């Protein structure tokens, strides 16, 4: 099978699928569970409820026998020192297992001295670990959780995640919008189901689940790709794809992000014989109208759809508009390269007419 979307789908689903929670599920946006700590080794006892409305908490689960955990110590110290005056409390929580006794942890922390300049706690009964690590299905350390001033969980993951520092900075500044992350976290179980249905080759259930994801997030590219894949590869039903696209445009045609995602998904079909340029153009046109022609990313999409039906002059005109609107944006160079490509095609078009004439 030459169609590249099979591989794309597998990668997409593996990236967005959630882990299975071992205890009471804990989701982004939930009120963070209280910390049930057997002993506070360094720093003051922390009561999340008392800090609500004023403090931000970064909680990392770690162990003295874990090399990546030890490697993260300088960064945690840096975070605590940088944001202490602005209300951040960094808390490192360890617990029993692999010889990780309270005595071992105390000795380790004492030797480290000021290089571990943040709060250290020992979770002797694993009550806190069960609530946090078990709640999100995490089974490896180091693993961290970020709680905003409202007391809500707004991020969790590996502390080496490159987006972590940026999110912490935004949360401290009161500028972080967790709504998109909360939505994607909510969709995790639905993608788990999509994966299972894919393995079972249950295409009816697969299609229904992908559409349910789009009911929650109409711009979800993984779900869009999943539907394109099942219609064109597994069920060989291009008319079913057309019917879905018609309904999706009717329902979300006034949402530029949704239409933009749909247009790129359709234009990303590798086999030209399987493409539907009229559908791509409809989606791109809807995105352009919904954005009032002012979003350079959408204009870039519209230009591509126009180019694919042979209107090179119009595509170049639109792409140059996208470049102008993207002034100062980091994507501007990429947009300029696309404009140059259209310009070359236009020149070749003129040459071909001369030769053919």
Protein backbone atom coordinates (compact mmCIF):
# COMPACT_ATOMS: atom_id res chain seq x y z
CA UNK A 1 0.00 0.00 0.00
CA UNK A 2 1.55 3.26 -1.15
CA UNK A 3 -0.65 5.63 0.71
CA UNK A 4 1.38 7.42 3.37
CA UNK A 5 -1.54 8.23 5.66
CA UNK A 6 -1.42 4.75 7.18
CA UNK A 7 1.93 5.60 8.77
CA UNK A 8 0.80 9.13 9.61
CA UNK A 9 -2.26 7.81 11.41
CA UNK A 10 -0.26 5.38 13.52
CA UNK A 11 2.12 8.14 14.58
CA UNK A 12 -0.68 10.61 15.28
CA UNK A 13 -2.64 8.23 17.47
CA UNK A 14 0.41 7.19 19.45
CA UNK A 15 1.20 10.83 20.19
CA UNK A 16 -2.23 11.83 21.43
CA UNK A 17 -3.37 8.64 23.16
CA UNK A 18 -3.51 8.96 26.92
CA UNK A 19 -2.14 6.54 29.47
CA UNK A 20 -4.63 4.59 31.55
CA UNK A 21 -5.08 5.98 35.04
CA UNK A 22 -4.30 3.49 37.79
CA UNK A 23 -6.38 5.16 40.47
CA UNK A 24 -9.01 7.87 40.54
CA UNK A 25 -8.51 9.65 37.19
CA UNK A 26 -6.86 13.05 37.42
CA UNK A 27 -7.36 15.41 34.50
CA UNK A 28 -6.12 18.84 33.55
CA UNK A 29 -8.45 21.44 34.99
CA UNK A 30 -9.26 19.30 38.04
CA UNK A 31 -8.70 20.70 41.51
CA UNK A 32 -5.32 19.30 42.61
CA UNK A 33 -5.59 16.60 45.31
CA UNK A 34 -4.29 17.51 48.78
CA UNK A 35 -0.75 16.46 49.64
CA UNK A 36 -0.73 13.59 52.15
CA UNK A 37 2.92 13.61 53.23
CA UNK A 38 4.36 11.50 56.05
CA UNK A 39 7.34 13.82 56.65
CA UNK A 40 8.50 17.19 55.38
CA UNK A 41 12.27 16.87 55.10
CA UNK A 42 13.17 20.37 53.97
CA UNK A 43 11.07 23.53 53.88
CA UNK A 44 7.70 24.27 55.42
CA UNK A 45 4.69 21.98 55.31
CA UNK A 46 2.53 22.80 52.28
CA UNK A 47 -1.27 22.97 52.37
CA UNK A 48 -2.52 23.47 48.81
CA UNK A 49 -5.93 24.66 50.02
CA UNK A 50 -4.37 27.50 52.04
CA UNK A 51 -2.31 28.61 49.06
CA UNK A 52 -5.30 28.76 46.74
CA UNK A 53 -5.77 32.20 45.24
CA UNK A 54 -2.18 33.31 45.72
CA UNK A 55 0.41 30.55 45.17
CA UNK A 56 1.60 28.34 42.32
CA UNK A 57 2.98 24.85 42.99
CA UNK A 58 5.35 22.69 40.98
CA UNK A 59 5.44 19.11 42.30
CA UNK A 60 8.02 16.62 41.08
CA UNK A 61 8.10 12.92 41.96
CA UNK A 62 11.66 11.66 42.15
CA UNK A 63 14.08 9.24 43.85
CA UNK A 64 17.71 9.32 44.98
CA UNK A 65 18.47 6.25 42.81
CA UNK A 66 17.12 7.91 39.62
CA UNK A 67 19.88 9.56 37.48
CA UNK A 68 17.45 11.77 35.45
CA UNK A 69 15.92 12.94 38.75
CA UNK A 70 19.33 13.93 40.08
CA UNK A 71 20.12 15.67 36.81
CA UNK A 72 17.00 17.85 37.21
CA UNK A 73 18.00 19.15 40.67
CA UNK A 74 19.88 22.25 39.43
CA UNK A 75 16.95 23.24 37.24
CA UNK A 76 14.45 22.88 40.07
CA UNK A 77 16.67 25.02 42.27
CA UNK A 78 16.88 27.59 39.49
CA UNK A 79 13.08 27.65 39.12
CA UNK A 80 12.55 28.07 42.85
CA UNK A 81 15.04 30.92 43.14
CA UNK A 82 13.71 32.65 40.03
CA UNK A 83 10.05 32.61 41.03
CA UNK A 84 10.06 32.36 44.83
CA UNK A 85 9.16 36.02 45.28
CA UNK A 86 6.31 35.65 42.78
CA UNK A 87 4.58 32.82 44.64
CA UNK A 88 6.06 29.60 43.26
CA UNK A 89 6.77 26.70 45.59
CA UNK A 90 8.74 23.79 44.17
CA UNK A 91 8.13 20.48 45.97
CA UNK A 92 10.07 17.26 45.36
CA UNK A 93 8.28 14.14 46.61
CA UNK A 94 9.94 10.74 47.05
CA UNK A 95 8.60 7.53 48.52
CA UNK A 96 9.45 3.93 49.44
CA UNK A 97 10.76 1.50 46.86
CA UNK A 98 14.17 0.23 45.72
CA UNK A 99 15.64 1.05 49.14
CA UNK A 100 14.31 4.61 49.16
CA UNK A 101 13.85 4.93 52.90
CA UNK A 102 13.28 8.16 54.79
CA UNK A 103 16.80 7.87 56.21
CA UNK A 104 18.33 7.52 52.74
CA UNK A 105 16.48 10.57 51.44
CA UNK A 106 17.39 12.70 54.46
CA UNK A 107 21.06 11.82 54.09
CA UNK A 108 20.97 12.62 50.35
CA UNK A 109 19.28 15.99 50.92
CA UNK A 110 21.67 16.91 53.73
CA UNK A 111 24.71 16.23 51.53
CA UNK A 112 23.27 18.32 48.72
CA UNK A 113 22.74 21.31 50.99
CA UNK A 114 21.83 24.56 49.23
CA UNK A 115 22.05 22.93 45.80
CA UNK A 116 18.58 21.56 46.56
CA UNK A 117 17.02 24.90 47.38
CA UNK A 118 13.37 23.87 47.43
CA UNK A 119 10.89 21.90 49.52
CA UNK A 120 11.52 18.15 49.97
CA UNK A 121 8.87 15.69 51.15
CA UNK A 122 8.69 11.96 51.85
CA UNK A 123 5.48 10.15 50.91
CA UNK A 124 5.86 7.13 53.16
CA UNK A 125 2.52 5.50 52.34
CA UNK A 126 2.50 6.56 48.67
CA UNK A 127 -0.82 8.32 49.24
CA UNK A 128 0.22 11.41 47.31
CA UNK A 129 1.89 9.38 44.58
CA UNK A 130 -1.27 7.30 44.15
CA UNK A 131 -3.37 10.43 43.71
CA UNK A 132 -1.04 12.18 41.27
CA UNK A 133 1.06 9.58 39.46
CA UNK A 134 -1.69 6.98 39.63
CA UNK A 135 -4.32 9.52 38.65
CA UNK A 136 -2.72 10.23 35.27
CA UNK A 137 -1.33 6.74 34.72
CA UNK A 138 2.32 7.85 34.95
CA UNK A 139 4.73 4.99 35.63
CA UNK A 140 8.15 6.59 35.39
CA UNK A 141 10.12 9.29 37.19
CA UNK A 142 10.95 12.12 37.22
CA UNK A 143 7.41 13.29 36.63
CA UNK A 144 5.98 16.68 37.48
CA UNK A 145 2.68 18.50 38.02
CA UNK A 146 1.95 22.24 37.85
CA UNK A 147 -0.87 23.78 39.89
CA UNK A 148 -2.03 27.34 39.21
CA UNK A 149 -3.27 29.93 41.68
CA UNK A 150 -6.86 28.68 41.46
CA UNK A 151 -5.66 25.28 42.70
CA UNK A 152 -6.22 23.59 39.33
CA UNK A 153 -3.86 21.17 37.65
CA UNK A 154 -2.76 22.89 34.42
CA UNK A 155 0.18 20.77 33.23
CA UNK A 156 1.84 17.44 33.89
CA UNK A 157 4.68 15.57 32.25
CA UNK A 158 8.40 15.00 32.21
CA UNK A 159 10.34 17.97 33.62
CA UNK A 160 12.58 17.91 30.55
CA UNK A 161 9.60 18.85 28.38
CA UNK A 162 10.79 21.96 26.46
CA UNK A 163 7.42 23.70 26.90
CA UNK A 164 7.45 23.36 30.69
CA UNK A 165 9.44 26.50 31.50
CA UNK A 166 7.34 28.61 29.17
CA UNK A 167 4.11 27.35 30.74
CA UNK A 168 5.43 28.01 34.26
CA UNK A 169 6.34 31.56 33.26
CA UNK A 170 2.86 32.17 31.83
CA UNK A 171 1.12 30.66 34.87
CA UNK A 172 3.20 32.84 37.21
CA UNK A 173 2.26 35.88 35.12
CA UNK A 174 -1.42 34.89 35.14
CA UNK A 175 -1.45 34.66 31.33
CA UNK A 176 -1.70 30.92 30.74
CA UNK A 177 -4.83 29.66 29.00
CA UNK A 178 -5.14 25.95 29.75
CA UNK A 179 -8.37 25.46 27.78
CA UNK A 180 -6.75 23.81 24.74
CA UNK A 181 -4.59 21.51 26.89
CA UNK A 182 -7.64 20.59 28.98
CA UNK A 183 -9.56 19.73 25.81
CA UNK A 184 -6.77 17.51 24.48
CA UNK A 185 -6.48 15.80 27.87
CA UNK A 186 -10.22 15.11 27.74
CA UNK A 187 -9.87 13.56 24.29
CA UNK A 188 -7.19 11.11 25.45
CA UNK A 189 -9.58 8.26 26.33
CA UNK A 190 -11.36 8.73 23.00
CA UNK A 191 -8.08 8.27 21.15
CA UNK A 192 -7.40 5.19 23.27
CA UNK A 193 -10.67 3.80 21.98
CA UNK A 194 -9.77 4.79 18.42
CA UNK A 195 -6.53 2.85 18.75
CA UNK A 196 -8.34 -0.25 19.98
CA UNK A 197 -10.90 -0.08 17.18
CA UNK A 198 -8.07 0.31 14.67
CA UNK A 199 -6.43 -2.87 15.96
CA UNK A 200 -9.79 -4.67 15.86
CA UNK A 201 -10.40 -3.35 12.33
CA UNK A 202 -13.82 -2.20 13.45
CA UNK A 203 -14.19 0.56 10.86
CA UNK A 204 -17.76 1.45 11.74
CA UNK A 205 -16.81 2.08 15.38
CA UNK A 206 -13.57 3.74 14.29
CA UNK A 207 -15.43 6.20 12.05
CA UNK A 208 -18.01 6.93 14.72
CA UNK A 209 -15.34 7.57 17.37
CA UNK A 210 -13.30 9.86 15.08
CA UNK A 211 -16.45 11.88 14.41
CA UNK A 212 -17.14 12.06 18.15
CA UNK A 213 -13.67 13.52 18.65
CA UNK A 214 -14.42 16.13 16.00
CA UNK A 215 -17.68 16.96 17.79
CA UNK A 216 -15.48 17.99 20.73
CA UNK A 217 -12.63 19.50 18.70
CA UNK A 218 -13.59 20.27 15.11
CA UNK A 219 -10.03 21.21 14.13
CA UNK A 220 -8.38 18.02 15.41
CA UNK A 221 -5.99 17.02 12.63
CA UNK A 222 -5.41 13.49 13.92
CA UNK A 223 -9.16 12.74 13.84
CA UNK A 224 -9.50 14.32 10.40
CA UNK A 225 -6.60 12.21 9.11
CA UNK A 226 -8.17 9.12 10.69
CA UNK A 227 -11.39 9.66 8.74
CA UNK A 228 -9.58 10.32 5.46
CA UNK A 229 -7.61 7.13 6.07
CA UNK A 230 -10.58 4.91 6.78
CA UNK A 231 -12.67 6.24 3.90
CA UNK A 232 -9.95 6.06 1.27
CA UNK A 233 -7.90 3.07 2.41
CA UNK A 234 -9.89 0.66 4.55
CA UNK A 235 -13.46 1.05 3.28
CA UNK A 236 -12.59 2.47 -0.16
CA UNK A 237 -15.54 4.83 0.09
CA UNK A 238 -14.64 8.17 -1.49
CA UNK A 239 -18.30 9.14 -1.58
CA UNK A 240 -18.47 8.59 2.15
CA UNK A 241 -15.55 11.02 2.50
CA UNK A 242 -17.35 13.57 0.34
CA UNK A 243 -20.48 13.23 2.47
CA UNK A 244 -18.46 13.71 5.67
CA UNK A 245 -16.68 16.78 4.30
CA UNK A 246 -20.00 18.31 3.20
CA UNK A 247 -21.40 17.89 6.70
CA UNK A 248 -18.23 19.16 8.37
CA UNK A 249 -18.17 22.31 6.25
CA UNK A 250 -21.88 22.89 6.88
CA UNK A 251 -21.39 22.53 10.63
CA UNK A 252 -18.07 24.38 11.03
CA UNK A 253 -17.70 26.55 7.95
CA UNK A 254 -17.57 29.71 10.04
CA UNK A 255 -14.58 28.43 12.07
CA UNK A 256 -11.40 29.36 10.21
CA UNK A 257 -9.16 27.03 12.24
CA UNK A 258 -11.40 24.01 11.59
CA UNK A 259 -11.63 24.73 7.87
CA UNK A 260 -7.90 25.38 7.67
CA UNK A 261 -7.15 22.00 9.27
CA UNK A 262 -9.61 20.25 6.95
CA UNK A 263 -8.12 21.85 3.85
CA UNK A 264 -4.56 20.82 4.74
CA UNK A 265 -5.68 17.30 5.61
CA UNK A 266 -7.31 16.91 2.20
CA UNK A 267 -4.35 18.45 0.37
CA UNK A 268 -2.02 16.12 2.27
CA UNK A 269 -3.36 12.99 0.58
CA UNK A 270 -0.28 11.57 -1.13
CA UNK A 271 -1.92 9.81 -4.10
CA UNK A 272 -3.14 12.43 -6.54
CA UNK A 273 -5.82 10.07 -7.81
CA UNK A 274 -7.37 9.99 -4.36
CA UNK A 275 -7.53 13.75 -3.88
CA UNK A 276 -10.66 15.87 -4.13
CA UNK A 277 -9.42 19.33 -5.17
CA UNK A 278 -12.96 20.74 -5.12
CA UNK A 279 -13.32 19.77 -1.45
CA UNK A 280 -9.91 21.20 -0.55
CA UNK A 281 -10.83 24.45 -2.29
CA UNK A 282 -14.21 24.62 -0.54
CA UNK A 283 -12.62 24.16 2.87
CA UNK A 284 -9.83 26.66 2.15
CA UNK A 285 -12.31 29.20 0.79
CA UNK A 286 -14.49 28.82 3.88
CA UNK A 287 -11.44 29.34 6.10
CA UNK A 288 -10.46 32.46 4.13
CA UNK A 289 -13.94 33.97 4.40
CA UNK A 290 -14.26 33.09 8.11
CA UNK A 291 -10.95 34.86 8.84
CA UNK A 292 -11.99 37.89 6.75
CA UNK A 293 -8.83 37.40 4.72
CA UNK A 294 -6.64 38.66 7.58
CA UNK A 295 -4.93 35.51 8.87
CA UNK A 296 -1.66 34.86 7.05
CA UNK A 297 -1.72 31.14 7.89
CA UNK A 298 -5.19 30.77 6.39
CA UNK A 299 -4.23 32.83 3.33
CA UNK A 300 -1.25 30.53 2.85
CA UNK A 301 -3.66 27.56 2.84
CA UNK A 302 -6.04 29.25 0.43
CA UNK A 303 -3.16 30.11 -1.89
CA UNK A 304 -2.11 26.45 -1.95
CA UNK A 305 -5.65 25.28 -2.77
CA UNK A 306 -5.89 27.83 -5.59
CA UNK A 307 -2.47 26.81 -6.89
CA UNK A 308 -3.53 23.16 -7.03
CA UNK A 309 -6.33 23.95 -9.49
CA UNK A 310 -3.92 25.83 -11.76
CA UNK A 311 -4.52 29.48 -10.82
CA UNK A 312 -0.86 30.34 -10.38
CA UNK A 313 -1.28 34.12 -10.69
CA UNK A 314 -3.96 34.16 -7.99
CA UNK A 315 -1.91 31.85 -5.77
CA UNK A 316 1.10 34.17 -6.02
CA UNK A 317 -1.06 37.22 -5.27
CA UNK A 318 -2.46 35.56 -2.16
CA UNK A 319 0.92 34.26 -1.00
CA UNK A 320 2.46 37.72 -1.24
CA UNK A 321 -0.40 39.00 0.89
CA UNK A 322 0.33 36.28 3.47
CA UNK A 323 4.00 37.28 3.52
CA UNK A 324 3.10 40.93 4.09
CA UNK A 325 0.73 40.10 6.96
CA UNK A 326 3.33 37.81 8.59
CA UNK A 327 5.86 40.62 8.94
CA UNK A 328 7.93 39.85 12.02
CA UNK A 329 6.54 36.33 12.44
CA UNK A 330 9.01 33.45 12.55
CA UNK A 331 7.10 31.67 9.76
CA UNK A 332 7.60 34.55 7.33
CA UNK A 333 10.69 33.01 5.71
CA UNK A 334 8.77 29.82 4.96
CA UNK A 335 5.94 31.82 3.42
CA UNK A 336 8.43 33.75 1.28
CA UNK A 337 9.93 30.51 -0.01
CA UNK A 338 6.48 29.31 -1.06
CA UNK A 339 5.86 32.63 -2.82
CA UNK A 340 9.15 32.20 -4.67
CA UNK A 341 8.08 28.71 -5.74
CA UNK A 342 4.83 30.09 -7.17
CA UNK A 343 6.83 32.82 -8.90
CA UNK A 344 9.05 30.22 -10.57
CA UNK A 345 5.99 28.24 -11.64
CA UNK A 346 4.50 31.36 -13.17
CA UNK A 347 7.69 31.99 -15.15
CA UNK A 348 7.75 28.39 -16.37
CA UNK A 349 4.09 28.65 -17.30
CA UNK A 350 4.89 31.57 -19.60
CA UNK A 351 7.82 29.70 -21.12
CA UNK A 352 5.71 26.59 -21.75
CA UNK A 353 3.05 28.65 -23.51
CA UNK A 354 5.71 30.13 -25.79
CA UNK A 355 7.20 26.71 -26.59
CA UNK A 356 3.81 25.13 -27.09
CA UNK A 357 2.65 27.95 -29.32
